[in-house]
Every structure is written in C-alpha cells, then in structure tokens.
Amino acid sequence: MARKRHPKKAVEAAVRVAESAVYSLRTGGVGPMNYEFELIFQLPASERRSFWELVEALMEAGCDDAIVGTGHPGRLALQFDRDADSAEAAICSAFDNVESAVPGVDLVEAVPDYVGLTEIADIIGISRQALRKQALSHPEFPRPIHFGKPSLWHLSPALDWLKRYRGDTVDPELESIAKVAMRLNIKAQQVQAERSHGVVAVGG
C-alpha cells in the first residue's frame, strides 16, 4: 500500500532542497545560508539585570537576529534566525554573542534536537501512528534517549533514518543544525554530570 504524505509538507521540503541546490550552483557552494534554532540558557546566580537590560546587552552583542524570552525563573531563551556559512558557524557565533553579553551563562538546551514521534512525523507529513508502526518494524530505527511518556529521540539520527530507509526529502538546513544541536546538548549533559560528581572539566 502506498504511504500517504501531507502534500503541503512534502512540497515545502522539496522547495527548500531545490532552493538550496540552485543557490549552490549559482555561488559555487560558497555563501551564507539561513539557520533557525533556539538556545536556552541558565543565568548565573550573580545576574541582577532586568529582562530589558539583558535584551539590550544581547542586541548590542550581536543577537539582533533573535527573539529573546524567559520562561522558568533564571532561564533565558533566544530564537535565532541567523545567516552563516555553516550550521556550526551559526550556532557557535550565537553562543559567543550570548556569552559576551551575559558572562557565566550555562547552556541548558539547543533546539532542534530532543523530539518525540509526533514531531518527527510532522516533519514528513505522516501520522504519529504510521511512524510508530514503521519504527517498531525496523530495527534500524534509532533508540530513544529517554523511554517514557513521551519517549524522546535525538532529531539528527531520526532524520538520517527518514532519508536512508524511507527515502524522504529532508530540509538540509534542518539536518545540519540538528547535528550541531545534538553535539552541544551531549556536551552540556557531560559538563552537568561532571559538576554533579565534583569533577572539573578541562578544555573546551
């Protein structure tokens, strides 16, 4: 039986891939691309500036391409829409901008990375139930990083599986930014674990 795909999602993904290919042909693969991502930080205990004072400092530091918000007390979230030569350059430059404006911040999470089956299914325009059935029947489907309700996966290996075993079209910018976000989150977890056990991390 032929699988159903959400036509709008499929068309949008195909257009993004086509635009990326055309851009590469015109520029020889050199030039900035657009990356959308979010960085969530824990503010240092010593931070006493107001929200608007923080926003002003962040804008002056180069975060004028981000929407700044707060959720949990002591947290700072920035949704970036940044042009850069690579996903790593986009996220790393944003991280540096934030650190220069708010010294001592700790990365809590880089987004997009942690996703459930619903989010993965939405990317390719199929139902959660359809994806779950396929995941259970394919041993190659990535293992969750958290078992529960909901279970969570790293987005990057999930996207790789969608391309490799389903033949789906995946937004190249999303694919590259998810890889960098996953790497940052794994590093942040390692740093937190070392602090919890009284180990001082050496090096970057």
C-alpha atoms as a PDB file:
ATOM      1  CA  MET A   1       0.000   0.000   0.000  1.00  0.00           C
ATOM      2  CA  ALA A   2       1.405   3.396  -0.951  1.00  0.00           C
ATOM      3  CA  ARG A   3       2.140   5.587   2.057  1.00  0.00           C
ATOM      4  CA  LYS A   4       0.286   8.856   2.426  1.00  0.00           C
ATOM      5  CA  ARG A   5       2.197  12.097   2.667  1.00  0.00           C
ATOM      6  CA  HIS A   6       0.960  15.503   3.573  1.00  0.00           C
ATOM      7  CA  PRO A   7       1.183  17.338   0.220  1.00  0.00           C
ATOM      8  CA  LYS A   8       1.983  20.737   1.709  1.00  0.00           C
ATOM      9  CA  LYS A   9       4.785  19.347   3.893  1.00  0.00           C
ATOM     10  CA  ALA A  10       6.273  17.398   1.007  1.00  0.00           C
ATOM     11  CA  VAL A  11       6.165  20.380  -1.339  1.00  0.00           C
ATOM     12  CA  GLU A  12       7.693  22.717   1.253  1.00  0.00           C
ATOM     13  CA  ALA A  13      10.574  20.338   1.905  1.00  0.00           C
ATOM     14  CA  ALA A  14      11.184  19.821  -1.820  1.00  0.00           C
ATOM     15  CA  VAL A  15      11.185  23.575  -2.442  1.00  0.00           C
ATOM     16  CA  ARG A  16      13.742  24.136   0.329  1.00  0.00           C
ATOM     17  CA  VAL A  17      16.034  21.472  -1.101  1.00  0.00           C
ATOM     18  CA  ALA A  18      15.645  22.884  -4.627  1.00  0.00           C
ATOM     19  CA  GLU A  19      16.381  26.409  -3.447  1.00  0.00           C
ATOM     20  CA  SER A  20      19.489  25.183  -1.676  1.00  0.00           C
ATOM     21  CA  ALA A  21      20.669  23.375  -4.819  1.00  0.00           C
ATOM     22  CA  VAL A  22      20.073  26.433  -7.013  1.00  0.00           C
ATOM     23  CA  TYR A  23      21.932  28.636  -4.558  1.00  0.00           C
ATOM     24  CA  SER A  24      24.896  26.256  -4.534  1.00  0.00           C
ATOM     25  CA  LEU A  25      25.019  26.223  -8.340  1.00  0.00           C
ATOM     26  CA  ARG A  26      24.931  29.995  -8.547  1.00  0.00           C
ATOM     27  CA  THR A  27      27.524  30.607  -5.849  1.00  0.00           C
ATOM     28  CA  GLY A  28      29.697  27.539  -6.261  1.00  0.00           C
ATOM     29  CA  GLY A  29      28.579  26.370  -2.832  1.00  0.00           C
ATOM     30  CA  VAL A  30      30.067  29.441  -1.144  1.00  0.00           C
ATOM     31  CA  GLY A  31      27.995  31.930   0.818  1.00  0.00           C
ATOM     32  CA  PRO A  32      25.723  32.195   3.835  1.00  0.00           C
ATOM     33  CA  MET A  33      22.658  30.053   4.403  1.00  0.00           C
ATOM     34  CA  ASN A  34      19.790  30.669   6.801  1.00  0.00           C
ATOM     35  CA  TYR A  35      19.515  28.652  10.004  1.00  0.00           C
ATOM     36  CA  GLU A  36      16.716  28.680  12.576  1.00  0.00           C
ATOM     37  CA  PHE A  37      17.465  27.413  16.063  1.00  0.00           C
ATOM     38  CA  GLU A  38      16.932  28.151  19.740  1.00  0.00           C
ATOM     39  CA  LEU A  39      19.409  28.326  22.606  1.00  0.00           C
ATOM     40  CA  ILE A  40      18.188  28.065  26.200  1.00  0.00           C
ATOM     41  CA  PHE A  41      20.483  29.181  28.998  1.00  0.00           C
ATOM     42  CA  GLN A  42      20.599  29.178  32.784  1.00  0.00           C
ATOM     43  CA  LEU A  43      21.549  32.623  34.043  1.00  0.00           C
ATOM     44  CA  PRO A  44      24.334  32.877  36.622  1.00  0.00           C
ATOM     45  CA  ALA A  45      23.196  33.439  40.209  1.00  0.00           C
ATOM     46  CA  SER A  46      25.051  36.746  40.222  1.00  0.00           C
ATOM     47  CA  GLU A  47      22.982  38.184  37.321  1.00  0.00           C
ATOM     48  CA  ARG A  48      20.890  41.076  38.594  1.00  0.00           C
ATOM     49  CA  ARG A  49      19.934  42.969  35.429  1.00  0.00           C
ATOM     50  CA  SER A  50      16.313  43.324  34.417  1.00  0.00           C
ATOM     51  CA  PHE A  51      14.930  41.486  31.408  1.00  0.00           C
ATOM     52  CA  TRP A  52      15.046  44.584  29.232  1.00  0.00           C
ATOM     53  CA  GLU A  53      18.588  45.375  30.318  1.00  0.00           C
ATOM     54  CA  LEU A  54      19.566  41.846  29.284  1.00  0.00           C
ATOM     55  CA  VAL A  55      17.803  42.251  25.946  1.00  0.00           C
ATOM     56  CA  GLU A  56      19.668  45.490  25.275  1.00  0.00           C
ATOM     57  CA  ALA A  57      23.005  43.862  26.122  1.00  0.00           C
ATOM     58  CA  LEU A  58      22.221  40.890  23.874  1.00  0.00           C
ATOM     59  CA  MET A  59      21.267  43.122  20.946  1.00  0.00           C
ATOM     60  CA  GLU A  60      24.484  45.102  21.322  1.00  0.00           C
ATOM     61  CA  ALA A  61      26.460  41.830  21.412  1.00  0.00           C
ATOM     62  CA  GLY A  62      25.092  40.720  18.030  1.00  0.00           C
ATOM     63  CA  CYS A  63      21.870  38.905  18.918  1.00  0.00           C
ATOM     64  CA  ASP A  64      19.691  41.310  16.932  1.00  0.00           C
ATOM     65  CA  ASP A  65      18.567  38.356  14.798  1.00  0.00           C
ATOM     66  CA  ALA A  66      16.988  36.633  17.815  1.00  0.00           C
ATOM     67  CA  ILE A  67      13.718  36.785  19.730  1.00  0.00           C
ATOM     68  CA  VAL A  68      14.525  36.831  23.432  1.00  0.00           C
ATOM     69  CA  GLY A  69      12.229  35.369  26.046  1.00  0.00           C
ATOM     70  CA  THR A  70      12.124  33.985  29.560  1.00  0.00           C
ATOM     71  CA  GLY A  71      10.135  31.066  30.887  1.00  0.00           C
ATOM     72  CA  HIS A  72      11.366  29.438  34.057  1.00  0.00           C
ATOM     73  CA  PRO A  73      12.930  31.806  36.605  1.00  0.00           C
ATOM     74  CA  GLY A  74      16.620  32.219  35.886  1.00  0.00           C
ATOM     75  CA  ARG A  75      16.309  30.976  32.311  1.00  0.00           C
ATOM     76  CA  LEU A  76      16.906  32.841  29.061  1.00  0.00           C
ATOM     77  CA  ALA A  77      15.752  31.592  25.654  1.00  0.00           C
ATOM     78  CA  LEU A  78      16.788  33.020  22.290  1.00  0.00           C
ATOM     79  CA  GLN A  79      15.179  32.003  18.996  1.00  0.00           C
ATOM     80  CA  PHE A  80      17.687  32.769  16.263  1.00  0.00           C
ATOM     81  CA  ASP A  81      17.165  33.289  12.532  1.00  0.00           C
ATOM     82  CA  ARG A  82      20.810  33.579  11.520  1.00  0.00           C
ATOM     83  CA  ASP A  83      22.676  33.675   8.215  1.00  0.00           C
ATOM     84  CA  ALA A  84      26.023  31.875   8.288  1.00  0.00           C
ATOM     85  CA  ASP A  85      28.332  29.786   6.135  1.00  0.00           C
ATOM     86  CA  SER A  86      27.501  26.640   8.125  1.00  0.00           C
ATOM     87  CA  ALA A  87      25.259  25.391  10.908  1.00  0.00           C
ATOM     88  CA  GLU A  88      28.210  25.177  13.260  1.00  0.00           C
ATOM     89  CA  ALA A  89      29.219  28.753  12.474  1.00  0.00           C
ATOM     90  CA  ALA A  90      25.640  29.920  13.088  1.00  0.00           C
ATOM     91  CA  ILE A  91      25.249  28.268  16.487  1.00  0.00           C
ATOM     92  CA  CYS A  92      28.801  28.899  17.695  1.00  0.00           C
ATOM     93  CA  SER A  93      28.669  32.594  16.806  1.00  0.00           C
ATOM     94  CA  ALA A  94      25.296  32.902  18.553  1.00  0.00           C
ATOM     95  CA  PHE A  95      26.696  31.137  21.623  1.00  0.00           C
ATOM     96  CA  ASP A  96      29.671  33.517  21.673  1.00  0.00           C
ATOM     97  CA  ASN A  97      27.371  36.536  21.318  1.00  0.00           C
ATOM     98  CA  VAL A  98      25.301  35.437  24.319  1.00  0.00           C
ATOM     99  CA  GLU A  99      28.358  34.685  26.451  1.00  0.00           C
ATOM    100  CA  SER A 100      29.823  38.109  25.731  1.00  0.00           C
ATOM    101  CA  ALA A 101      26.577  39.798  26.800  1.00  0.00           C
ATOM    102  CA  VAL A 102      25.888  37.556  29.806  1.00  0.00           C
ATOM    103  CA  PRO A 103      29.128  36.057  31.134  1.00  0.00           C
ATOM    104  CA  GLY A 104      28.715  32.869  33.101  1.00  0.00           C
ATOM    105  CA  VAL A 105      25.603  31.520  31.369  1.00  0.00           C
ATOM    106  CA  ASP A 106      25.211  27.745  31.103  1.00  0.00           C
ATOM    107  CA  LEU A 107      23.629  26.084  28.098  1.00  0.00           C
ATOM    108  CA  VAL A 108      20.517  24.152  29.094  1.00  0.00           C
ATOM    109  CA  GLU A 109      19.373  23.039  25.653  1.00  0.00           C
ATOM    110  CA  ALA A 110      19.982  23.654  21.970  1.00  0.00           C
ATOM    111  CA  VAL A 111      16.920  23.292  19.726  1.00  0.00           C
ATOM    112  CA  PRO A 112      16.099  21.450  17.460  1.00  0.00           C
ATOM    113  CA  ASP A 113      17.265  18.199  18.997  1.00  0.00           C
ATOM    114  CA  TYR A 114      15.052  16.391  21.529  1.00  0.00           C
ATOM    115  CA  VAL A 115      11.885  15.257  19.754  1.00  0.00           C
ATOM    116  CA  GLY A 116       9.038  12.796  20.150  1.00  0.00           C
ATOM    117  CA  LEU A 117       7.443  10.644  17.462  1.00  0.00           C
ATOM    118  CA  THR A 118       4.830  13.329  16.791  1.00  0.00           C
ATOM    119  CA  GLU A 119       7.463  15.944  15.936  1.00  0.00           C
ATOM    120  CA  ILE A 120       9.366  13.505  13.732  1.00  0.00           C
ATOM    121  CA  ALA A 121       6.177  12.514  11.913  1.00  0.00           C
ATOM    122  CA  ASP A 122       5.208  16.150  11.381  1.00  0.00           C
ATOM    123  CA  ILE A 123       8.452  16.796   9.511  1.00  0.00           C
ATOM    124  CA  ILE A 124       7.455  14.383   6.745  1.00  0.00           C
ATOM    125  CA  GLY A 125       3.700  14.884   6.994  1.00  0.00           C
ATOM    126  CA  ILE A 126       2.535  11.485   8.237  1.00  0.00           C
ATOM    127  CA  SER A 127       0.666  10.476  11.390  1.00  0.00           C
ATOM    128  CA  ARG A 128       2.363   9.538  14.628  1.00  0.00           C
ATOM    129  CA  GLN A 129       0.679   6.135  14.477  1.00  0.00           C
ATOM    130  CA  ALA A 130       2.056   5.431  10.996  1.00  0.00           C
ATOM    131  CA  LEU A 131       5.584   6.369  12.035  1.00  0.00           C
ATOM    132  CA  ARG A 132       5.337   4.310  15.227  1.00  0.00           C
ATOM    133  CA  LYS A 133       4.307   1.251  13.247  1.00  0.00           C
ATOM    134  CA  GLN A 134       7.258   1.689  10.879  1.00  0.00           C
ATOM    135  CA  ALA A 135       9.664   2.310  13.757  1.00  0.00           C
ATOM    136  CA  LEU A 136       8.609  -0.889  15.521  1.00  0.00           C
ATOM    137  CA  SER A 137       9.051  -2.926  12.351  1.00  0.00           C
ATOM    138  CA  HIS A 138      12.525  -1.540  11.573  1.00  0.00           C
ATOM    139  CA  PRO A 139      15.329  -2.496  13.994  1.00  0.00           C
ATOM    140  CA  GLU A 140      17.447   0.216  12.378  1.00  0.00           C
ATOM    141  CA  PHE A 141      15.219   2.960  13.802  1.00  0.00           C
ATOM    142  CA  PRO A 142      17.241   4.961  16.351  1.00  0.00           C
ATOM    143  CA  ARG A 143      16.820   4.035  20.002  1.00  0.00           C
ATOM    144  CA  PRO A 144      15.202   6.672  22.224  1.00  0.00           C
ATOM    145  CA  ILE A 145      17.475   8.659  24.515  1.00  0.00           C
ATOM    146  CA  HIS A 146      14.617   8.673  27.026  1.00  0.00           C
ATOM    147  CA  PHE A 147      11.952   5.995  27.498  1.00  0.00           C
ATOM    148  CA  GLY A 148       8.688   7.312  28.882  1.00  0.00           C
ATOM    149  CA  LYS A 149       5.546   9.233  28.026  1.00  0.00           C
ATOM    150  CA  PRO A 150       6.626  10.640  25.749  1.00  0.00           C
ATOM    151  CA  SER A 151       9.818   8.890  24.699  1.00  0.00           C
ATOM    152  CA  LEU A 152      12.422  11.214  23.191  1.00  0.00           C
ATOM    153  CA  TRP A 153      14.941  10.900  20.379  1.00  0.00           C
ATOM    154  CA  HIS A 154      17.793  12.980  19.052  1.00  0.00           C
ATOM    155  CA  LEU A 155      16.485  14.577  15.858  1.00  0.00           C
ATOM    156  CA  SER A 156      19.642  14.122  13.780  1.00  0.00           C
ATOM    157  CA  PRO A 157      19.727  10.274  13.685  1.00  0.00           C
ATOM    158  CA  ALA A 158      15.952  10.267  13.174  1.00  0.00           C
ATOM    159  CA  LEU A 159      16.333  12.476  10.094  1.00  0.00           C
ATOM    160  CA  ASP A 160      19.087  10.202   8.817  1.00  0.00           C
ATOM    161  CA  TRP A 161      16.768   7.211   9.179  1.00  0.00           C
ATOM    162  CA  LEU A 162      13.970   9.016   7.322  1.00  0.00           C
ATOM    163  CA  LYS A 163      16.302   9.649   4.394  1.00  0.00           C
ATOM    164  CA  ARG A 164      18.020   6.278   4.402  1.00  0.00           C
ATOM    165  CA  TYR A 165      15.118   3.888   4.960  1.00  0.00           C
ATOM    166  CA  ARG A 166      12.064   5.850   3.781  1.00  0.00           C
ATOM    167  CA  GLY A 167      13.618   7.955   1.051  1.00  0.00           C
ATOM    168  CA  ASP A 168      12.099  11.139   2.474  1.00  0.00           C
ATOM    169  CA  THR A 169      13.218  14.611   1.488  1.00  0.00           C
ATOM    170  CA  VAL A 170      14.755  16.403   4.464  1.00  0.00           C
ATOM    171  CA  ASP A 171      15.483  20.111   4.717  1.00  0.00           C
ATOM    172  CA  PRO A 172      19.320  20.331   4.504  1.00  0.00           C
ATOM    173  CA  GLU A 173      19.462  23.297   6.884  1.00  0.00           C
ATOM    174  CA  LEU A 174      17.379  21.432   9.463  1.00  0.00           C
ATOM    175  CA  GLU A 175      19.554  18.366   9.046  1.00  0.00           C
ATOM    176  CA  SER A 176      22.801  20.264   9.615  1.00  0.00           C
ATOM    177  CA  ILE A 177      21.539  22.393  12.504  1.00  0.00           C
ATOM    178  CA  ALA A 178      20.162  19.287  14.256  1.00  0.00           C
ATOM    179  CA  LYS A 179      23.600  17.643  14.161  1.00  0.00           C
ATOM    180  CA  VAL A 180      25.245  20.624  15.827  1.00  0.00           C
ATOM    181  CA  ALA A 181      22.445  20.983  18.392  1.00  0.00           C
ATOM    182  CA  MET A 182      22.779  17.305  19.330  1.00  0.00           C
ATOM    183  CA  ARG A 183      26.519  17.675  19.826  1.00  0.00           C
ATOM    184  CA  LEU A 184      26.053  20.744  22.040  1.00  0.00           C
ATOM    185  CA  ASN A 185      23.393  19.037  24.157  1.00  0.00           C
ATOM    186  CA  ILE A 186      25.545  15.951  24.693  1.00  0.00           C
ATOM    187  CA  LYS A 187      28.438  18.171  25.765  1.00  0.00           C
ATOM    188  CA  ALA A 188      26.180  20.177  28.101  1.00  0.00           C
ATOM    189  CA  GLN A 189      24.967  16.942  29.726  1.00  0.00           C
ATOM    190  CA  GLN A 190      28.550  15.783  30.198  1.00  0.00           C
ATOM    191  CA  VAL A 191      29.505  19.066  31.869  1.00  0.00           C
ATOM    192  CA  GLN A 192      26.488  18.837  34.182  1.00  0.00           C
ATOM    193  CA  ALA A 193      27.339  15.254  35.096  1.00  0.00           C
ATOM    194  CA  GLU A 194      30.932  16.206  35.863  1.00  0.00           C
ATOM    195  CA  ARG A 195      29.779  19.059  38.091  1.00  0.00           C
ATOM    196  CA  SER A 196      27.345  16.777  39.903  1.00  0.00           C
ATOM    197  CA  HIS A 197      30.195  14.396  40.697  1.00  0.00           C
ATOM    198  CA  GLY A 198      32.612  17.176  41.639  1.00  0.00           C
ATOM    199  CA  VAL A 199      34.740  16.796  38.512  1.00  0.00           C
ATOM    200  CA  VAL A 200      36.175  19.898  36.913  1.00  0.00           C
ATOM    201  CA  ALA A 201      36.082  19.746  33.117  1.00  0.00           C
ATOM    202  CA  VAL A 202      39.322  20.635  31.352  1.00  0.00           C
ATOM    203  CA  GLY A 203      39.365  22.181  27.891  1.00  0.00           C
ATOM    204  CA  GLY A 204      36.524  23.211  25.557  1.00  0.00           C
END
